[in-house]
Each structure stands twice: as structure tokens, then as C-alpha cells.
Amino acid sequence: EFKTPSLRNVAETAPYMHNGAFETLEEVVEFYDTRVNVRPSNVPGERILEPLGLTEEERSDLVAFLESLTDDYLDMGRVGPPER
């Protein structure tokens, strides 16, 4: 289980995914679009999403939408992992 963060200012919060595997939003969208290098669905307990099958224009539009969720209200220089 993972705590899913808000999409607000998502363009400013790289790296992405629970393990920091992707450096750009384009890489994240490509991953969900193609599902390349994902474990096979016959692995017990593994729930795999189907590839989205987006066109290049749809991929670009999705990235542009995600980038549009960025604002200047939050000081991203002060954002970091929670203190323990």
C-alpha cells in the first residue's frame, strides 16, 4: 500500500512513482500507456492495469493537463520528506 499524493504541483515533484523510477511526467504517461516491463498478470496477488493505448496527441494532452495543475502558491523549495 502507498499513500497517494495530490496531483497539485505534480510537475514540480519528480522523481515519480513509489520508488522514484521516472524523472519526467512523459515517462510516467508512457509507462501507463504501454505497460512495458511490468510483471506478468499471472503473478499471485499482482493486479495489472491494461495498457491505455493513447495516441501521441493524447499523451501530450495528458502531460499538458498534469503540468497545468502547477501554481505559484506553494513554495516547492520548502517541500520535502516528513520529519521523523
Protein backbone atom coordinates (compact mmCIF):
# COMPACT_ATOMS: atom_id res chain seq x y z
CA GLU A 1 0.00 0.00 0.00
CA PHE A 2 1.13 3.52 -0.76
CA LYS A 3 -0.07 6.92 0.35
CA THR A 4 -1.03 8.59 -2.92
CA PRO A 5 -0.05 12.27 -3.01
CA SER A 6 -2.15 15.03 -4.51
CA LEU A 7 -1.65 15.96 -8.16
CA ARG A 8 -1.32 19.61 -7.20
CA ASN A 9 2.09 20.82 -8.41
CA VAL A 10 2.87 17.34 -9.74
CA ALA A 11 5.17 18.82 -12.40
CA GLU A 12 7.43 20.02 -9.57
CA THR A 13 7.66 16.79 -7.59
CA ALA A 14 9.92 14.47 -9.62
CA PRO A 15 11.02 11.73 -9.35
CA TYR A 16 7.75 9.86 -9.75
CA MET A 17 6.29 6.54 -8.60
CA HIS A 18 6.74 4.95 -5.20
CA ASN A 19 10.36 4.09 -5.98
CA GLY A 20 11.37 7.20 -7.93
CA ALA A 21 11.66 5.23 -11.16
CA PHE A 22 10.68 8.06 -13.53
CA GLU A 23 12.20 11.52 -13.87
CA THR A 24 9.52 13.08 -16.11
CA LEU A 25 5.75 13.12 -16.46
CA GLU A 26 6.23 11.93 -20.03
CA GLU A 27 7.88 8.75 -18.72
CA VAL A 28 5.02 8.15 -16.28
CA VAL A 29 2.40 8.57 -19.00
CA GLU A 30 4.36 6.27 -21.34
CA PHE A 31 4.57 3.63 -18.59
CA TYR A 32 0.80 3.60 -18.04
CA ASP A 33 0.14 3.84 -21.76
CA THR A 34 2.32 0.88 -22.79
CA ARG A 35 2.81 -1.07 -19.51
CA VAL A 36 6.25 -2.14 -20.78
CA ASN A 37 8.43 -4.08 -18.30
CA VAL A 38 5.54 -4.87 -15.96
CA ARG A 39 5.42 -8.22 -14.20
CA PRO A 40 3.06 -10.70 -15.88
CA SER A 41 -0.51 -10.79 -14.61
CA ASN A 42 -0.18 -14.48 -13.61
CA VAL A 43 1.94 -13.48 -10.57
CA PRO A 44 -0.20 -14.29 -7.50
CA GLY A 45 -1.70 -11.18 -5.95
CA GLU A 46 -0.50 -8.93 -8.77
CA ARG A 47 -3.17 -6.66 -10.18
CA ILE A 48 -2.11 -5.27 -13.53
CA LEU A 49 -3.80 -2.40 -15.32
CA GLU A 50 -4.27 -2.81 -19.03
CA PRO A 51 -2.28 -0.50 -21.35
CA LEU A 52 -4.14 2.72 -22.13
CA GLY A 53 -3.37 2.73 -25.86
CA LEU A 54 -3.17 6.51 -26.16
CA THR A 55 -2.25 8.37 -29.33
CA GLU A 56 0.77 10.68 -29.27
CA GLU A 57 -1.63 13.65 -29.14
CA GLU A 58 -3.48 12.15 -26.17
CA ARG A 59 -0.18 11.53 -24.35
CA SER A 60 0.88 15.10 -24.97
CA ASP A 61 -2.52 16.43 -23.85
CA LEU A 62 -2.37 14.38 -20.64
CA VAL A 63 1.10 15.68 -19.78
CA ALA A 64 -0.05 19.26 -20.53
CA PHE A 65 -3.04 18.76 -18.22
CA LEU A 66 -0.83 17.47 -15.40
CA GLU A 67 1.53 20.41 -15.87
CA SER A 68 -1.43 22.82 -15.72
CA LEU A 69 -2.04 21.73 -12.10
CA THR A 70 1.05 23.70 -11.04
CA ASP A 71 0.62 27.01 -9.23
CA ASP A 72 2.85 29.55 -7.52
CA TYR A 73 1.11 29.36 -4.15
CA LEU A 74 3.23 26.56 -2.71
CA ASP A 75 6.95 27.18 -2.15
CA MET A 76 8.34 23.97 -3.66
CA GLY A 77 11.78 24.76 -2.17
CA ARG A 78 10.31 24.05 1.26
CA VAL A 79 8.67 20.76 0.31
CA GLY A 80 10.48 17.63 1.38
CA PRO A 81 10.02 14.34 3.17
CA PRO A 82 8.26 14.46 6.52
CA GLU A 83 10.41 14.73 9.59
CA ARG A 84 10.69 11.57 11.65
